[in-house]
Amino acid sequence: MARRRDHAPPQVTQGAPPLKIGVVLAALALALALGWHSAAAQQAAVEPMARWWSAANERERARAAEQLVSSIPFDALYRSLARGRPYRADVERGRIVRSYRTTDGTEHPYYVVVPDGYDPARSYPVRVYFHGGIGRQRPGTNGEWWTRSEPLLRDDAISVFPAGWAGSRWWQRRQVENVDGILRAITREYNVDPNRVYLFGVSDGASGTYFHAIRAPMRWAGFVALIGHPAVLSNPRLQAGGEVFARNLINRPMFVANAMDDRLYPVGSVLPFVDLFRRLGADITFRRHTGDHSVSWWPDERERIDTFIRLHPRDPLPEHLFWETETTDHFNRFHWIVIDELGDVPGDATRARPLDDDPFPHVRPSGWVEAHRRDNTVSVTTYRVRRITILLSPDAFDLRAPVTVIVNGQQAFSAVVRPSVATLLAWAGADDDRAMLFGAALDVTVGSSGGIIRVVD
């Protein structure tokens, strides 16, 4: 089984939920489409595939995965996972108030608004909205943290309104876990387009979008930050969840708007940050407005924001990426690169890229990886990184041909990498993202003469 960072190893548990008939039929259709003549072989695949889709937690999914490894060929399983789970029509619509409990036991209320005309046969974009006023007490469970959400609702998208407060601010790790858990819960029940999930924020919420764009952008297609300020993340009193690295902003587009006479975050104080981010390579659309700390101009900006969203779907398997982190316990992965171990490596001095005007303070030493993929060749450049994992998707690589890996200018690997059902299931279970599936993994130990690479079984 492939190594998985940021996720606990799967454990087997006794018992499983009853299989929904729609899930069973979908899995049966898969088995029949394979042309398997053995009824026993068909049944061996149907039940674990159905249990995989209906699993309520990682342990139940791991139990199904153990059976799938020996019962379904890789290509058939890949096609099934890429199609995604079957979705029911008899689901709740309208405003639905729920909560998500993070691993530290904190209950986070949220509400989701599903269009009345929701059709499970089509996939829906998702818009998540972070509110302002994060210094308040923990809200109740009736959704009062958004007082006027009606203008934000749409017939063509699912809208999500999480709650934040002084004990769980948008720029803390707890909220990253919370929002990820909410999106996973929605995806299990509703047909979500995984490449059109967007994060909006107003005031403190906008400041929080900068944090998610820098530390946890993988699920998001883009960010809309209205009357916020990235400098909030460097205020030690506000307890940002770890180091903040400006260069990570190159990975996702942002739409940023601020007001000229804003008493908190005027255009003049935000624009130097935006200019720096752009010089680093970030794709930022910046809009300035008259007025104070409000979004009274929202109706005039709505069409531009909709255009921004329409033009920026997520690329789930980007050809180029950059990722910097100071930890391997969390926030150490971006798409198909995982940073497994940090530390000095001979030659680092020649690859260092100091940021003289870095707006964020740094306490702990960090490391970074820049990776390029072209056809079946991956080139990675590293700084203070000793080990990484490279994930290979059949949608990005021809796994029938040799895969070549170049590490810090030296060819370290060139061979055919056999896809693995175990690896496919491990990462599909970790991500729950049908647009981003990985069939093989390479473990890279970075050295003075390139790297040593082994295939992860």
Protein backbone atom coordinates (compact mmCIF):
# COMPACT_ATOMS: atom_id res chain seq x y z
CA MET A 1 0.00 0.00 0.00
CA ALA A 2 1.31 3.43 -0.90
CA ARG A 3 2.50 5.72 1.85
CA ARG A 4 0.02 8.48 2.62
CA ARG A 5 0.97 11.63 4.44
CA ASP A 6 -1.65 13.77 6.18
CA HIS A 7 -3.89 10.74 6.63
CA ALA A 8 -3.85 8.03 9.27
CA PRO A 9 -3.25 4.49 7.95
CA PRO A 10 -6.51 2.69 7.14
CA GLN A 11 -7.70 0.28 9.79
CA VAL A 12 -10.12 -2.59 9.44
CA THR A 13 -13.35 -2.38 11.40
CA GLN A 14 -16.17 -4.84 11.88
CA GLY A 15 -19.53 -4.14 10.33
CA ALA A 16 -20.57 -1.87 7.46
CA PRO A 17 -23.68 0.12 6.53
CA PRO A 18 -26.40 -1.51 4.43
CA LEU A 19 -25.70 -1.16 0.72
CA LYS A 20 -27.92 1.31 -1.12
CA ILE A 21 -29.58 -0.27 -4.14
CA GLY A 22 -28.28 2.47 -6.46
CA VAL A 23 -24.72 1.78 -5.40
CA VAL A 24 -25.15 -1.97 -5.84
CA LEU A 25 -26.63 -1.56 -9.31
CA ALA A 26 -23.83 0.77 -10.37
CA ALA A 27 -21.20 -1.70 -9.18
CA LEU A 28 -23.04 -4.56 -10.88
CA ALA A 29 -23.10 -2.59 -14.12
CA LEU A 30 -19.34 -2.22 -13.83
CA ALA A 31 -18.85 -5.95 -13.42
CA LEU A 32 -21.11 -6.78 -16.37
CA ALA A 33 -19.36 -4.21 -18.56
CA LEU A 34 -16.10 -6.02 -17.93
CA GLY A 35 -17.50 -9.09 -19.60
CA TRP A 36 -16.57 -11.36 -16.74
CA HIS A 37 -18.17 -14.73 -17.31
CA SER A 38 -17.76 -15.98 -13.77
CA ALA A 39 -20.71 -15.11 -11.52
CA ALA A 40 -18.43 -15.54 -8.54
CA ALA A 41 -15.96 -13.02 -10.00
CA GLN A 42 -18.74 -10.53 -10.65
CA GLN A 43 -20.08 -10.86 -7.11
CA ALA A 44 -16.58 -10.56 -5.66
CA ALA A 45 -16.29 -7.13 -7.28
CA VAL A 46 -19.84 -5.88 -6.76
CA GLU A 47 -20.01 -5.88 -2.97
CA PRO A 48 -16.62 -4.29 -2.21
CA MET A 49 -17.20 -1.62 -4.90
CA ALA A 50 -20.60 -0.83 -3.40
CA ARG A 51 -19.13 -0.71 0.09
CA TRP A 52 -16.35 1.56 -1.15
CA TRP A 53 -18.84 4.15 -2.40
CA SER A 54 -21.12 3.91 0.61
CA ALA A 55 -18.34 3.87 3.26
CA ALA A 56 -19.10 6.29 6.08
CA ASN A 57 -15.49 6.50 7.26
CA GLU A 58 -11.95 5.53 6.35
CA ARG A 59 -12.02 2.23 8.21
CA GLU A 60 -15.03 0.99 6.27
CA ARG A 61 -13.45 2.09 3.01
CA ALA A 62 -10.18 0.33 3.91
CA ARG A 63 -12.03 -2.91 4.46
CA ALA A 64 -13.62 -2.64 1.01
CA ALA A 65 -10.23 -1.76 -0.49
CA GLU A 66 -8.68 -4.97 0.83
CA GLN A 67 -11.22 -6.96 -1.21
CA LEU A 68 -11.00 -4.75 -4.29
CA VAL A 69 -7.24 -5.22 -4.58
CA SER A 70 -7.76 -8.86 -5.52
CA SER A 71 -11.09 -8.66 -7.35
CA ILE A 72 -10.98 -5.83 -9.95
CA PRO A 73 -8.43 -5.17 -12.72
CA PHE A 74 -6.71 -1.79 -12.57
CA ASP A 75 -8.22 -0.33 -15.76
CA ALA A 76 -11.79 -1.22 -14.79
CA LEU A 77 -11.39 0.17 -11.28
CA TYR A 78 -9.82 3.35 -12.65
CA ARG A 79 -12.77 3.92 -15.00
CA SER A 80 -15.23 3.35 -12.16
CA LEU A 81 -13.47 5.76 -9.80
CA ALA A 82 -13.20 8.40 -12.55
CA ARG A 83 -16.95 8.19 -13.22
CA GLY A 84 -17.58 8.72 -9.53
CA ARG A 85 -20.17 7.37 -7.15
CA PRO A 86 -23.84 7.10 -8.17
CA TYR A 87 -26.00 9.92 -6.77
CA ARG A 88 -29.58 9.70 -5.57
CA ALA A 89 -32.39 12.04 -6.54
CA ASP A 90 -34.21 11.86 -3.18
CA VAL A 91 -31.86 14.18 -1.26
CA GLU A 92 -32.55 17.32 0.73
CA ARG A 93 -32.73 20.61 -1.11
CA GLY A 94 -32.89 24.21 0.03
CA ARG A 95 -31.21 25.42 3.22
CA ILE A 96 -29.73 22.58 5.28
CA VAL A 97 -28.05 23.28 8.64
CA ARG A 98 -25.41 20.78 9.73
CA SER A 99 -22.12 20.59 11.62
CA TYR A 100 -18.71 19.01 11.24
CA ARG A 101 -16.57 17.85 14.16
CA THR A 102 -12.82 18.25 13.70
CA THR A 103 -10.38 15.74 15.16
CA ASP A 104 -9.83 17.88 18.25
CA GLY A 105 -13.55 17.52 19.08
CA THR A 106 -14.62 21.03 18.05
CA GLU A 107 -18.09 21.16 16.53
CA HIS A 108 -18.28 23.54 13.56
CA PRO A 109 -21.78 24.51 12.40
CA TYR A 110 -22.40 25.28 8.76
CA TYR A 111 -25.25 25.40 6.34
CA VAL A 112 -25.47 24.45 2.71
CA VAL A 113 -28.04 25.66 0.19
CA VAL A 114 -28.84 23.18 -2.57
CA PRO A 115 -30.82 24.48 -5.58
CA ASP A 116 -34.46 23.36 -5.59
CA GLY A 117 -33.93 22.09 -9.13
CA TYR A 118 -30.88 19.98 -8.20
CA ASP A 119 -30.42 17.18 -10.75
CA PRO A 120 -28.09 14.33 -9.72
CA ALA A 121 -27.36 13.62 -13.39
CA ARG A 122 -25.30 16.83 -13.71
CA SER A 123 -22.35 18.07 -11.68
CA TYR A 124 -22.58 21.37 -9.78
CA PRO A 125 -19.99 24.01 -8.93
CA VAL A 126 -19.61 24.80 -5.23
CA ARG A 127 -19.12 28.26 -3.72
CA VAL A 128 -17.92 28.41 -0.12
CA TYR A 129 -18.28 31.74 1.72
CA PHE A 130 -16.19 32.88 4.71
CA HIS A 131 -17.87 35.63 6.74
CA GLY A 132 -16.17 38.55 8.54
CA GLY A 133 -16.08 39.41 12.24
CA ILE A 134 -14.00 36.40 13.22
CA GLY A 135 -13.33 37.74 16.75
CA ARG A 136 -16.82 36.97 17.98
CA GLN A 137 -17.99 34.21 20.30
CA ARG A 138 -18.87 30.82 18.91
CA PRO A 139 -22.18 31.12 17.01
CA GLY A 140 -25.28 29.05 17.58
CA THR A 141 -26.58 26.44 15.19
CA ASN A 142 -29.25 28.37 13.32
CA GLY A 143 -26.97 30.00 10.73
CA GLU A 144 -27.01 33.51 12.15
CA TRP A 145 -23.33 34.00 11.21
CA TRP A 146 -24.53 34.97 7.70
CA THR A 147 -27.36 37.50 8.03
CA ARG A 148 -27.98 38.17 4.34
CA SER A 149 -26.92 35.17 2.27
CA GLU A 150 -29.89 35.29 -0.12
CA PRO A 151 -28.15 37.54 -2.73
CA LEU A 152 -25.36 34.97 -2.93
CA LEU A 153 -27.54 31.96 -3.72
CA ARG A 154 -27.67 30.51 -7.22
CA ASP A 155 -29.68 28.00 -9.18
CA ASP A 156 -26.57 26.67 -10.89
CA ALA A 157 -24.32 26.12 -7.86
CA ILE A 158 -24.30 24.69 -4.34
CA SER A 159 -23.57 27.39 -1.74
CA VAL A 160 -21.84 26.64 1.57
CA PHE A 161 -21.63 28.93 4.63
CA PRO A 162 -19.25 27.66 7.35
CA ALA A 163 -18.93 29.35 10.74
CA GLY A 164 -15.77 30.82 12.23
CA TRP A 165 -15.17 32.55 15.56
CA ALA A 166 -12.38 33.65 17.90
CA GLY A 167 -11.69 30.06 18.92
CA SER A 168 -11.58 28.79 15.34
CA ARG A 169 -10.32 31.42 12.93
CA TRP A 170 -10.22 30.98 9.17
CA TRP A 171 -6.41 31.01 9.13
CA GLN A 172 -5.96 28.17 11.60
CA ARG A 173 -5.31 24.52 10.80
CA ARG A 174 -8.56 23.52 12.48
CA GLN A 175 -10.55 25.45 9.88
CA VAL A 176 -8.65 23.88 7.00
CA GLU A 177 -9.69 20.50 8.37
CA ASN A 178 -13.24 21.74 8.93
CA VAL A 179 -13.75 23.04 5.39
CA ASP A 180 -12.17 19.95 3.86
CA GLY A 181 -14.52 17.77 5.92
CA ILE A 182 -17.54 19.81 4.85
CA LEU A 183 -16.62 19.51 1.18
CA ARG A 184 -16.12 15.76 1.50
CA ALA A 185 -19.52 15.39 3.18
CA ILE A 186 -21.24 17.37 0.43
CA THR A 187 -19.42 15.41 -2.27
CA ARG A 188 -20.62 12.10 -0.83
CA GLU A 189 -24.27 13.21 -1.14
CA TYR A 190 -24.38 15.62 -4.08
CA ASN A 191 -22.88 15.53 -7.56
CA VAL A 192 -20.16 18.16 -7.19
CA ASP A 193 -17.86 19.22 -10.01
CA PRO A 194 -14.46 18.74 -8.30
CA ASN A 195 -12.80 21.21 -10.67
CA ARG A 196 -15.20 24.08 -9.91
CA VAL A 197 -15.01 24.60 -6.16
CA TYR A 198 -14.34 28.22 -5.18
CA LEU A 199 -13.65 30.02 -1.91
CA PHE A 200 -15.08 33.50 -1.26
CA GLY A 201 -14.25 35.65 1.75
CA VAL A 202 -15.34 39.04 3.07
CA SER A 203 -13.20 41.10 5.52
CA ASP A 204 -11.73 38.55 7.98
CA GLY A 205 -13.06 35.90 5.66
CA ALA A 206 -11.07 37.42 2.80
CA SER A 207 -7.92 37.42 4.94
CA GLY A 208 -8.65 33.75 5.55
CA THR A 209 -8.82 33.04 1.81
CA TYR A 210 -5.19 34.17 1.50
CA PHE A 211 -4.25 31.56 4.10
CA HIS A 212 -6.09 28.74 2.32
CA ALA A 213 -4.64 29.86 -1.04
CA ILE A 214 -1.13 29.68 0.45
CA ARG A 215 -1.41 26.63 2.72
CA ALA A 216 -4.20 24.40 1.39
CA PRO A 217 -5.17 25.26 -2.19
CA MET A 218 -5.43 21.76 -3.68
CA ARG A 219 -9.24 21.41 -3.54
CA TRP A 220 -9.95 24.93 -4.76
CA ALA A 221 -10.18 26.22 -8.32
CA GLY A 222 -9.79 29.86 -7.29
CA PHE A 223 -10.23 32.44 -4.55
CA VAL A 224 -12.26 35.64 -4.22
CA ALA A 225 -11.01 37.96 -1.45
CA LEU A 226 -13.14 41.06 -0.78
CA ILE A 227 -11.98 43.83 1.61
CA GLY A 228 -9.42 41.62 3.38
CA HIS A 229 -5.67 41.90 3.91
CA PRO A 230 -2.86 39.29 3.69
CA ALA A 231 -0.93 41.11 6.44
CA VAL A 232 -3.40 39.67 8.96
CA LEU A 233 -1.55 36.37 8.58
CA SER A 234 1.66 37.88 9.96
CA ASN A 235 0.06 39.21 13.15
CA PRO A 236 1.21 36.87 15.97
CA ARG A 237 -1.82 37.76 18.11
CA LEU A 238 -4.10 36.26 15.45
CA GLN A 239 -2.43 32.85 15.56
CA ALA A 240 -1.98 31.87 11.91
CA GLY A 241 -1.69 28.12 11.56
CA GLY A 242 1.98 27.83 10.66
CA GLU A 243 4.39 29.57 8.33
CA VAL A 244 3.03 31.51 5.35
CA PHE A 245 4.91 31.32 2.04
CA ALA A 246 4.10 33.95 -0.57
CA ARG A 247 5.40 31.90 -3.51
CA ASN A 248 2.70 29.26 -3.00
CA LEU A 249 0.22 31.82 -4.36
CA ILE A 250 1.42 31.10 -7.89
CA ASN A 251 -0.62 27.89 -7.89
CA ARG A 252 -4.14 29.39 -7.94
CA PRO A 253 -5.83 32.48 -9.40
CA MET A 254 -7.29 35.14 -7.10
CA PHE A 255 -9.86 37.88 -7.54
CA VAL A 256 -9.12 40.64 -5.00
CA ALA A 257 -11.14 43.79 -4.32
CA ASN A 258 -10.58 46.55 -1.77
CA ALA A 259 -12.04 50.01 -1.11
CA MET A 260 -10.15 53.30 -1.33
CA ASP A 261 -11.41 54.74 1.96
CA ASP A 262 -11.55 51.51 3.94
CA ARG A 263 -10.62 52.41 7.53
CA LEU A 264 -9.16 48.92 8.11
CA TYR A 265 -7.65 47.74 4.84
CA PRO A 266 -7.43 50.58 2.30
CA VAL A 267 -6.26 49.93 -1.24
CA GLY A 268 -2.96 51.70 -0.54
CA SER A 269 -1.94 49.16 2.11
CA VAL A 270 -3.06 46.07 0.18
CA LEU A 271 -1.68 46.92 -3.25
CA PRO A 272 2.03 46.53 -2.32
CA PHE A 273 1.28 42.92 -1.32
CA VAL A 274 -0.61 42.30 -4.54
CA ASP A 275 2.25 43.76 -6.58
CA LEU A 276 4.76 41.49 -4.82
CA PHE A 277 2.59 38.41 -5.36
CA ARG A 278 2.30 39.28 -9.04
CA ARG A 279 6.08 39.67 -9.36
CA LEU A 280 6.42 36.17 -7.94
CA GLY A 281 4.08 34.88 -10.67
CA ALA A 282 0.66 34.91 -8.98
CA ASP A 283 -2.41 35.37 -11.19
CA ILE A 284 -4.33 38.12 -9.34
CA THR A 285 -7.19 40.20 -10.69
CA PHE A 286 -7.32 43.35 -8.55
CA ARG A 287 -10.28 45.75 -8.35
CA ARG A 288 -10.45 48.98 -6.37
CA HIS A 289 -13.67 50.65 -5.25
CA THR A 290 -14.74 53.85 -3.55
CA GLY A 291 -16.25 53.70 -0.09
CA ASP A 292 -15.45 52.33 3.34
CA HIS A 293 -15.19 48.82 4.77
CA SER A 294 -18.22 47.31 3.04
CA VAL A 295 -19.18 45.43 -0.12
CA SER A 296 -22.02 47.73 -1.12
CA TRP A 297 -20.53 47.59 -4.63
CA TRP A 298 -21.10 43.81 -4.86
CA PRO A 299 -23.96 44.06 -7.44
CA ASP A 300 -21.67 46.01 -9.78
CA GLU A 301 -18.88 43.44 -9.40
CA ARG A 302 -20.97 40.26 -9.63
CA GLU A 303 -20.64 39.85 -13.40
CA ARG A 304 -16.84 40.24 -13.29
CA ILE A 305 -16.57 37.67 -10.52
CA ASP A 306 -18.77 35.25 -12.46
CA THR A 307 -16.50 35.72 -15.48
CA PHE A 308 -13.42 35.12 -13.33
CA ILE A 309 -14.94 31.86 -12.09
CA ARG A 310 -16.03 30.73 -15.55
CA LEU A 311 -12.53 31.28 -16.91
CA HIS A 312 -10.72 29.50 -14.07
CA PRO A 313 -11.62 25.86 -13.56
CA ARG A 314 -9.12 23.82 -11.59
CA ASP A 315 -6.46 21.83 -13.38
CA PRO A 316 -6.32 18.71 -11.17
CA LEU A 317 -3.01 17.56 -12.69
CA PRO A 318 -1.02 20.75 -13.39
CA GLU A 319 2.09 20.48 -15.55
CA HIS A 320 3.96 22.92 -13.33
CA LEU A 321 3.77 23.40 -9.58
CA PHE A 322 5.70 24.89 -6.71
CA TRP A 323 5.29 24.01 -3.06
CA GLU A 324 7.02 25.28 0.07
CA THR A 325 6.48 24.10 3.63
CA GLU A 326 8.18 23.98 7.01
CA THR A 327 6.52 20.75 8.14
CA THR A 328 5.88 17.22 6.88
CA ASP A 329 3.09 16.52 9.37
CA HIS A 330 0.57 18.54 7.37
CA PHE A 331 0.47 21.10 4.52
CA ASN A 332 3.25 19.08 2.84
CA ARG A 333 1.51 18.09 -0.39
CA PHE A 334 0.31 19.81 -3.53
CA HIS A 335 -1.37 17.59 -6.12
CA TRP A 336 1.22 15.08 -7.35
CA ILE A 337 4.15 16.12 -5.17
CA VAL A 338 4.47 15.17 -1.48
CA ILE A 339 7.35 16.51 0.63
CA ASP A 340 8.20 13.64 3.00
CA GLU A 341 11.40 14.83 4.66
CA LEU A 342 13.04 18.23 5.06
CA GLY A 343 16.72 18.89 5.62
CA ASP A 344 19.90 20.15 4.04
CA VAL A 345 21.23 18.44 0.92
CA PRO A 346 24.57 19.10 -0.81
CA GLY A 347 24.06 21.66 -3.55
CA ASP A 348 21.23 23.53 -1.81
CA ALA A 349 23.21 26.76 -1.75
CA THR A 350 23.21 26.90 -5.55
CA ARG A 351 19.43 26.50 -5.64
CA ALA A 352 18.45 28.94 -2.88
CA ARG A 353 16.04 31.69 -3.91
CA PRO A 354 15.84 34.24 -1.09
CA LEU A 355 12.86 36.57 -1.13
CA ASP A 356 14.32 39.89 -0.02
CA ASP A 357 10.97 41.62 0.41
CA ASP A 358 9.11 38.67 1.95
CA PRO A 359 6.09 40.19 3.77
CA PHE A 360 5.70 37.25 6.14
CA PRO A 361 7.93 36.46 9.13
CA HIS A 362 9.53 33.00 9.31
CA VAL A 363 10.65 31.17 12.42
CA ARG A 364 11.25 27.61 11.22
CA PRO A 365 13.43 26.64 8.23
CA SER A 366 11.45 25.52 5.20
CA GLY A 367 12.04 23.56 2.03
CA TRP A 368 10.50 23.69 -1.40
CA VAL A 369 10.01 21.69 -4.58
CA GLU A 370 9.41 23.02 -8.06
CA ALA A 371 8.22 20.38 -10.53
CA HIS A 372 7.57 20.34 -14.27
CA ARG A 373 5.90 17.55 -16.21
CA ARG A 374 6.19 17.18 -19.97
CA ASP A 375 4.91 14.02 -21.63
CA ASN A 376 6.45 11.19 -19.56
CA THR A 377 9.29 13.24 -18.08
CA VAL A 378 9.25 14.93 -14.68
CA SER A 379 11.90 17.47 -13.71
CA VAL A 380 12.11 18.51 -10.07
CA THR A 381 14.26 21.13 -8.41
CA THR A 382 14.51 21.04 -4.62
CA TYR A 383 15.80 23.15 -1.76
CA ARG A 384 16.24 21.72 1.75
CA VAL A 385 14.19 18.66 0.83
CA ARG A 386 15.56 15.16 1.38
CA ARG A 387 12.66 12.97 0.29
CA ILE A 388 9.57 13.41 -1.86
CA THR A 389 6.87 11.26 -3.38
CA ILE A 390 5.90 11.74 -7.01
CA LEU A 391 2.39 10.53 -7.82
CA LEU A 392 1.66 9.31 -11.34
CA SER A 393 -1.81 9.57 -12.86
CA PRO A 394 -2.81 7.61 -15.98
CA ASP A 395 -4.45 10.87 -17.12
CA ALA A 396 -1.06 12.58 -17.17
CA PHE A 397 1.38 9.75 -17.96
CA ASP A 398 1.45 6.84 -20.39
CA LEU A 399 2.20 4.09 -17.90
CA ARG A 400 2.93 1.67 -20.74
CA ALA A 401 6.05 3.69 -21.62
CA PRO A 402 9.09 4.56 -19.50
CA VAL A 403 8.74 7.39 -17.00
CA THR A 404 11.83 9.58 -16.69
CA VAL A 405 12.61 11.60 -13.56
CA ILE A 406 15.26 14.33 -13.44
CA VAL A 407 16.26 15.56 -9.97
CA ASN A 408 18.21 18.80 -9.68
CA GLY A 409 19.47 18.48 -13.23
CA GLN A 410 20.50 14.79 -13.01
CA GLN A 411 18.53 11.91 -14.51
CA ALA A 412 17.68 9.64 -11.60
CA PHE A 413 15.14 7.23 -13.08
CA SER A 414 13.83 5.95 -16.40
CA ALA A 415 11.67 2.83 -16.44
CA VAL A 416 8.17 1.55 -17.04
CA VAL A 417 6.15 1.90 -13.83
CA ARG A 418 3.47 -0.70 -13.42
CA PRO A 419 0.17 0.73 -12.12
CA SER A 420 -1.07 -0.65 -8.81
CA VAL A 421 -4.64 -1.18 -7.62
CA ALA A 422 -3.44 -0.76 -4.03
CA THR A 423 -1.82 2.60 -4.81
CA LEU A 424 -4.88 3.74 -6.77
CA LEU A 425 -7.21 2.92 -3.88
CA ALA A 426 -4.93 4.41 -1.23
CA TRP A 427 -4.83 7.83 -2.87
CA ALA A 428 -8.43 7.73 -4.09
CA GLY A 429 -9.48 7.09 -0.51
CA ALA A 430 -7.25 9.88 0.81
CA ASP A 431 -8.48 12.46 -1.70
CA ASP A 432 -12.08 11.46 -2.54
CA ASP A 433 -11.63 13.40 -5.79
CA ARG A 434 -12.66 11.66 -9.00
CA ALA A 435 -10.74 14.16 -11.16
CA MET A 436 -7.42 13.43 -9.46
CA LEU A 437 -6.53 9.73 -9.41
CA PHE A 438 -3.04 8.24 -9.06
CA GLY A 439 -2.09 4.75 -10.15
CA ALA A 440 1.57 4.67 -9.17
CA ALA A 441 3.99 6.41 -6.82
CA LEU A 442 7.74 6.99 -6.81
CA ASP A 443 9.74 7.46 -3.61
CA VAL A 444 12.60 9.88 -4.29
CA THR A 445 15.58 10.30 -1.97
CA VAL A 446 17.35 13.51 -2.98
CA GLY A 447 21.15 13.36 -3.04
CA SER A 448 24.18 15.28 -4.21
CA SER A 449 24.09 13.52 -7.60
CA GLY A 450 20.36 13.67 -8.27
CA GLY A 451 18.30 11.11 -6.43
CA ILE A 452 17.61 7.47 -5.62
CA ILE A 453 14.14 6.39 -6.68
CA ARG A 454 12.07 3.32 -5.95
CA VAL A 455 8.54 2.42 -7.00
CA VAL A 456 6.07 2.34 -4.12
CA ASP A 457 4.10 -0.93 -4.12
